[in-house]
Amino acid sequence: MKKVIGMIPSRMASSRFPGKALVLILNKPMIYWVYKQARKVKELDEIYVVTSDQEIKDCCDKYEIPCICNLTNETTAAQKIAIESQLLDGDIYINIQGDEPLIEPMAIKQIIDAFVNDENLEYVGLKSKISTKEEFLDSNVVKVVTDINNYAMYFSRSPIPYKYNTNNAYRVMGIYGYTKEFLKNFLNGTKGNLEIAECGIEMLRVMEKGFKIKLLETQYKSIGVDLKEHIKKVEDIMINSGKYGEYTDLYDENKKLTGEKLFREKGTKLKVPNNRYIIVVLVFIENTNG
């Protein structure tokens, strides 16, 4: 059996949204939600947040999240994983982006299954169809075109291919898998011209060096938190899906609404603040036998 290790690269110095790793989503830091989703994947033997920032390490300690914190000179998330993977004994390493709190566990499993079924793969990612013209034109969405065998031909923040329809345009999801051998080769890589031209798409560095990236089509979709306005969108999805928890109205001692709402994460107890109350309704159903 191959040992599979999940790694969540996270940093405070995001160029578009500094400090986003610890931004609160439903009263919990974003990195907490990413880790919690990853924990649902039974095929992951170990999971670590990897960072160079002490603030993130302190947050992980608070929530009992395994964390590797070392000051390194990486330029991409994959390179950070390549550096820290040397401390671990794994065969496959899964790069789970720290800014995708809605990542689907089954999407992670899809990548792991690909490595299990094909030992020739070195680098695997996921692609999903772009469903709107707005998404197609969004520079925060990384697009990809692949060959007939689903190996990547090019990645871009620009709209590709030139003519858009809902059957020919794909985006990449923030999750990738690598073999241990690939990471050794990638360890000391430097930025390539295409990576720089496309504002930091690290997959292009790999392709410029001749490596092949397999992109599996998936039905799962996720939302990356690249900007502050994405937080509200993620929170709405989490609440409306019912999979993460629910809000409860708070009342005062006179049973009057205070206008405050308390979020209860699924599987946890509701902790009501002092001098605040919730209304609980008990329903009893009596059958014909009393």
Protein backbone atom coordinates (compact mmCIF):
# COMPACT_ATOMS: atom_id res chain seq x y z
CA MET A 1 0.00 0.00 0.00
CA LYS A 2 1.26 3.46 -0.89
CA LYS A 3 1.35 5.99 1.89
CA VAL A 4 -0.61 9.12 1.01
CA ILE A 5 0.03 12.40 2.81
CA GLY A 6 -2.18 15.47 2.53
CA MET A 7 -0.41 18.83 2.76
CA ILE A 8 -2.16 22.20 3.07
CA PRO A 9 0.26 25.02 2.13
CA SER A 10 -0.72 28.25 3.85
CA ARG A 11 0.83 31.70 4.17
CA MET A 12 -0.06 35.15 5.44
CA ALA A 13 1.53 37.14 2.60
CA SER A 14 -1.08 36.60 -0.12
CA SER A 15 -0.66 39.31 -2.76
CA ARG A 16 -4.40 39.70 -3.44
CA PHE A 17 -5.70 39.07 0.09
CA PRO A 18 -3.03 39.33 2.82
CA GLY A 19 -3.73 37.23 5.90
CA LYS A 20 -6.56 35.31 4.28
CA ALA A 21 -5.46 31.99 5.79
CA LEU A 22 -6.77 33.16 9.17
CA VAL A 23 -9.78 35.14 7.96
CA LEU A 24 -12.90 34.11 9.88
CA ILE A 25 -15.56 32.14 8.03
CA LEU A 26 -18.56 31.41 10.25
CA ASN A 27 -16.41 32.36 13.26
CA LYS A 28 -13.63 29.89 12.47
CA PRO A 29 -10.37 30.57 10.56
CA MET A 30 -10.40 29.46 6.94
CA ILE A 31 -7.56 26.98 7.47
CA TYR A 32 -9.75 25.16 10.03
CA TRP A 33 -12.46 24.46 7.46
CA VAL A 34 -9.96 23.25 4.84
CA TYR A 35 -8.40 20.84 7.32
CA LYS A 36 -11.80 19.61 8.48
CA GLN A 37 -12.82 18.77 4.90
CA ALA A 38 -9.53 16.96 4.29
CA ARG A 39 -10.04 14.89 7.45
CA LYS A 40 -13.07 13.29 5.80
CA VAL A 41 -10.82 11.49 3.28
CA LYS A 42 -10.01 8.09 4.77
CA GLU A 43 -7.35 7.43 2.13
CA LEU A 44 -5.15 10.19 3.58
CA ASP A 45 -2.78 8.58 6.06
CA GLU A 46 -1.54 11.90 7.43
CA ILE A 47 -2.50 15.57 6.98
CA TYR A 48 -0.37 18.64 7.72
CA VAL A 49 -0.65 22.36 7.29
CA VAL A 50 2.73 23.58 5.97
CA THR A 51 3.71 27.18 6.54
CA SER A 52 6.52 29.62 7.25
CA ASP A 53 4.33 31.88 9.40
CA GLN A 54 4.20 31.59 13.18
CA GLU A 55 0.68 33.10 13.26
CA ILE A 56 -0.62 30.16 11.25
CA LYS A 57 1.28 27.69 13.44
CA ASP A 58 -0.29 29.25 16.56
CA CYS A 59 -3.75 28.97 15.02
CA CYS A 60 -3.17 25.32 14.12
CA ASP A 61 -2.03 24.58 17.66
CA LYS A 62 -5.22 26.17 19.02
CA TYR A 63 -7.41 23.89 16.88
CA GLU A 64 -5.13 20.83 17.26
CA ILE A 65 -4.23 20.77 13.57
CA PRO A 66 -0.87 19.09 12.74
CA CYS A 67 1.41 21.78 11.37
CA ILE A 68 4.94 21.93 9.96
CA CYS A 69 6.34 25.44 10.36
CA ASN A 70 9.76 26.19 8.89
CA LEU A 71 11.15 29.35 7.34
CA THR A 72 11.93 28.40 3.74
CA ASN A 73 12.57 30.24 0.48
CA GLU A 74 9.92 28.60 -1.67
CA THR A 75 8.23 30.56 -4.47
CA THR A 76 5.17 28.33 -4.95
CA ALA A 77 2.93 26.06 -2.92
CA ALA A 78 4.27 22.98 -4.73
CA GLN A 79 7.83 23.98 -3.92
CA LYS A 80 6.92 24.41 -0.24
CA ILE A 81 5.49 20.90 -0.27
CA ALA A 82 8.61 19.60 -2.05
CA ILE A 83 10.79 21.09 0.70
CA GLU A 84 8.72 19.85 3.64
CA SER A 85 8.06 16.42 2.12
CA GLN A 86 11.69 15.58 2.78
CA LEU A 87 10.80 15.44 6.47
CA LEU A 88 8.08 12.85 5.84
CA ASP A 89 7.92 9.29 4.61
CA GLY A 90 5.21 9.24 1.95
CA ASP A 91 4.76 7.90 -1.56
CA ILE A 92 2.05 10.29 -2.79
CA TYR A 93 1.59 13.88 -1.63
CA ILE A 94 -1.69 15.73 -2.10
CA ASN A 95 -1.56 19.53 -2.37
CA ILE A 96 -4.80 20.82 -0.83
CA GLN A 97 -5.04 24.57 -1.29
CA GLY A 98 -5.44 26.48 1.95
CA ASP A 99 -7.91 28.94 0.44
CA GLU A 100 -10.59 26.44 -0.62
CA PRO A 101 -12.73 25.82 2.49
CA LEU A 102 -15.43 24.09 0.42
CA ILE A 103 -13.14 21.48 -1.12
CA GLU A 104 -15.04 18.23 -1.64
CA PRO A 105 -13.49 15.17 0.04
CA MET A 106 -14.47 13.02 -2.96
CA ALA A 107 -12.41 15.29 -5.22
CA ILE A 108 -9.33 14.54 -3.12
CA LYS A 109 -10.13 10.84 -3.31
CA GLN A 110 -10.45 11.08 -7.10
CA ILE A 111 -6.80 12.14 -7.37
CA ILE A 112 -5.61 9.44 -4.98
CA ASP A 113 -7.49 6.79 -6.98
CA ALA A 114 -5.76 7.96 -10.17
CA PHE A 115 -2.32 7.25 -8.70
CA VAL A 116 -3.45 3.87 -7.40
CA ASN A 117 -4.74 2.87 -10.85
CA ASP A 118 -1.83 4.21 -12.94
CA GLU A 119 1.73 3.99 -11.62
CA ASN A 120 3.06 6.05 -14.56
CA LEU A 121 1.47 9.26 -13.32
CA GLU A 122 3.69 11.86 -11.65
CA TYR A 123 1.44 14.91 -11.36
CA VAL A 124 -2.38 14.83 -11.29
CA GLY A 125 -4.96 17.60 -11.01
CA LEU A 126 -8.65 18.16 -11.60
CA LYS A 127 -10.56 20.21 -14.15
CA SER A 128 -14.25 21.13 -14.24
CA LYS A 129 -16.37 22.74 -16.92
CA ILE A 130 -16.86 26.49 -16.80
CA SER A 131 -20.58 27.13 -16.75
CA THR A 132 -20.81 30.92 -17.21
CA LYS A 133 -19.22 33.58 -19.42
CA GLU A 134 -18.47 35.61 -16.29
CA GLU A 135 -16.37 32.77 -14.87
CA PHE A 136 -14.66 32.32 -18.24
CA LEU A 137 -13.56 35.98 -18.25
CA ASP A 138 -12.54 36.10 -14.57
CA SER A 139 -8.74 36.44 -14.26
CA ASN A 140 -8.89 34.84 -10.78
CA VAL A 141 -10.03 31.62 -12.46
CA VAL A 142 -7.17 29.59 -13.93
CA LYS A 143 -8.23 28.00 -17.21
CA VAL A 144 -6.72 24.95 -18.90
CA VAL A 145 -6.78 23.25 -22.30
CA THR A 146 -5.87 19.57 -22.55
CA ASP A 147 -5.05 17.06 -25.27
CA ILE A 148 -7.19 14.04 -26.16
CA ASN A 149 -5.58 12.05 -23.32
CA ASN A 150 -6.37 14.77 -20.77
CA TYR A 151 -2.80 15.95 -20.36
CA ALA A 152 -2.47 19.71 -19.94
CA MET A 153 -1.40 21.72 -22.99
CA TYR A 154 -1.57 25.17 -21.41
CA PHE A 155 -2.87 27.08 -18.37
CA SER A 156 -3.88 30.74 -18.35
CA ARG A 157 -5.72 33.44 -16.43
CA SER A 158 -6.91 34.69 -19.81
CA PRO A 159 -9.94 33.15 -21.53
CA ILE A 160 -8.86 29.98 -23.34
CA PRO A 161 -9.82 28.68 -25.82
CA TYR A 162 -10.72 31.89 -27.69
CA LYS A 163 -14.29 30.82 -28.51
CA TYR A 164 -16.31 29.94 -25.40
CA ASN A 165 -19.12 27.48 -24.91
CA THR A 166 -20.14 25.42 -21.90
CA ASN A 167 -18.63 22.25 -23.37
CA ASN A 168 -15.14 23.41 -24.30
CA ALA A 169 -13.91 25.60 -21.42
CA TYR A 170 -12.40 24.22 -18.22
CA ARG A 171 -11.02 25.59 -14.97
CA VAL A 172 -8.58 23.87 -12.66
CA MET A 173 -9.40 23.12 -9.04
CA GLY A 174 -6.99 23.92 -6.23
CA ILE A 175 -5.91 20.37 -5.57
CA TYR A 176 -3.02 18.39 -7.04
CA GLY A 177 -1.16 15.18 -6.38
CA TYR A 178 2.55 14.42 -6.83
CA THR A 179 4.81 11.42 -6.49
CA LYS A 180 7.76 11.62 -4.12
CA GLU A 181 10.14 11.33 -7.06
CA PHE A 182 8.54 14.26 -8.87
CA LEU A 183 8.90 16.47 -5.79
CA LYS A 184 12.61 15.66 -5.59
CA ASN A 185 13.04 16.91 -9.16
CA PHE A 186 10.91 19.99 -8.52
CA LEU A 187 12.66 20.93 -5.28
CA ASN A 188 15.14 23.48 -6.63
CA GLY A 189 13.13 24.72 -9.59
CA THR A 190 13.08 28.41 -10.48
CA LYS A 191 10.27 30.42 -12.02
CA GLY A 192 9.91 30.06 -15.76
CA ASN A 193 8.97 32.72 -18.28
CA LEU A 194 5.43 31.42 -18.76
CA GLU A 195 4.81 31.22 -15.02
CA ILE A 196 5.85 34.86 -14.66
CA ALA A 197 3.78 35.93 -17.67
CA GLU A 198 0.68 34.22 -16.25
CA CYS A 199 1.06 35.80 -12.79
CA GLY A 200 2.19 32.77 -10.84
CA ILE A 201 0.61 29.67 -12.39
CA GLU A 202 3.16 27.18 -11.05
CA MET A 203 2.01 24.34 -13.30
CA LEU A 204 3.63 26.15 -16.24
CA ARG A 205 7.03 25.88 -14.55
CA VAL A 206 6.56 22.12 -14.54
CA MET A 207 5.47 21.98 -18.18
CA GLU A 208 8.37 24.15 -19.35
CA LYS A 209 10.70 21.53 -17.88
CA GLY A 210 8.99 18.75 -19.84
CA PHE A 211 6.82 17.16 -17.14
CA LYS A 212 3.29 16.05 -18.02
CA ILE A 213 0.27 16.96 -15.90
CA LYS A 214 -2.80 14.74 -16.00
CA LEU A 215 -6.09 16.62 -15.56
CA LEU A 216 -9.08 14.48 -14.57
CA GLU A 217 -12.52 15.87 -15.30
CA THR A 218 -14.63 16.16 -12.19
CA GLN A 219 -18.18 17.16 -11.33
CA TYR A 220 -17.06 18.61 -8.02
CA LYS A 221 -16.67 22.35 -7.78
CA SER A 222 -15.11 24.58 -5.19
CA ILE A 223 -14.70 28.28 -4.54
CA GLY A 224 -11.31 29.73 -3.80
CA VAL A 225 -11.17 32.70 -1.45
CA ASP A 226 -9.03 35.09 -3.48
CA LEU A 227 -10.72 38.34 -2.43
CA LYS A 228 -12.57 39.61 0.64
CA GLU A 229 -15.90 39.59 -1.17
CA HIS A 230 -15.60 35.82 -1.64
CA ILE A 231 -16.06 35.24 2.12
CA LYS A 232 -19.76 36.12 2.11
CA LYS A 233 -20.32 33.87 -0.91
CA VAL A 234 -18.64 30.94 0.84
CA GLU A 235 -20.58 31.53 4.08
CA ASP A 236 -23.90 31.60 2.21
CA ILE A 237 -23.10 28.28 0.54
CA MET A 238 -22.06 26.72 3.84
CA ILE A 239 -25.27 27.83 5.56
CA ASN A 240 -27.66 27.01 2.72
CA SER A 241 -26.17 23.56 2.15
CA GLY A 242 -26.86 22.52 5.74
CA LYS A 243 -23.69 20.42 5.72
CA TYR A 244 -21.64 22.70 7.93
CA GLY A 245 -24.07 23.95 10.57
CA GLU A 246 -26.87 26.43 11.16
CA TYR A 247 -27.68 29.83 12.62
CA THR A 248 -29.91 30.24 15.67
CA ASP A 249 -31.68 33.45 16.70
CA LEU A 250 -30.84 34.83 20.14
CA TYR A 251 -33.42 36.29 22.55
CA ASP A 252 -33.25 38.33 25.74
CA GLU A 253 -34.84 37.36 29.08
CA ASN A 254 -38.19 38.74 27.87
CA LYS A 255 -38.24 36.44 24.86
CA LYS A 256 -37.58 39.33 22.51
CA LEU A 257 -35.32 38.92 19.49
CA THR A 258 -32.01 40.70 19.95
CA GLY A 259 -31.15 40.65 16.26
CA GLU A 260 -28.09 38.53 17.06
CA LYS A 261 -27.46 35.14 15.50
CA LEU A 262 -25.34 32.30 16.83
CA PHE A 263 -23.69 29.82 14.47
CA ARG A 264 -23.52 26.20 15.59
CA GLU A 265 -21.12 24.03 13.68
CA LYS A 266 -22.54 20.63 12.76
CA GLY A 267 -21.64 17.98 15.33
CA THR A 268 -20.91 20.49 18.09
CA LYS A 269 -22.90 21.72 21.07
CA LEU A 270 -24.57 25.11 21.01
CA LYS A 271 -22.87 27.50 23.45
CA VAL A 272 -25.26 30.33 24.31
CA PRO A 273 -23.66 33.51 25.72
CA ASN A 274 -24.63 34.81 29.17
CA ASN A 275 -27.88 36.80 29.29
CA ARG A 276 -28.93 35.38 25.93
CA TYR A 277 -31.45 32.64 25.26
CA ILE A 278 -32.73 30.39 22.50
CA ILE A 279 -36.25 29.07 22.09
CA VAL A 280 -36.54 25.30 21.98
CA VAL A 281 -39.74 23.67 20.71
CA LEU A 282 -40.52 20.11 21.76
CA VAL A 283 -43.03 18.16 19.67
CA PHE A 284 -44.64 14.98 21.02
CA ILE A 285 -46.51 12.63 18.69
CA GLU A 286 -49.03 10.30 20.32
CA ASN A 287 -50.02 7.11 18.55
CA THR A 288 -53.26 5.14 18.89
CA ASN A 289 -51.80 3.16 21.78
CA GLY A 290 -51.25 6.30 23.80
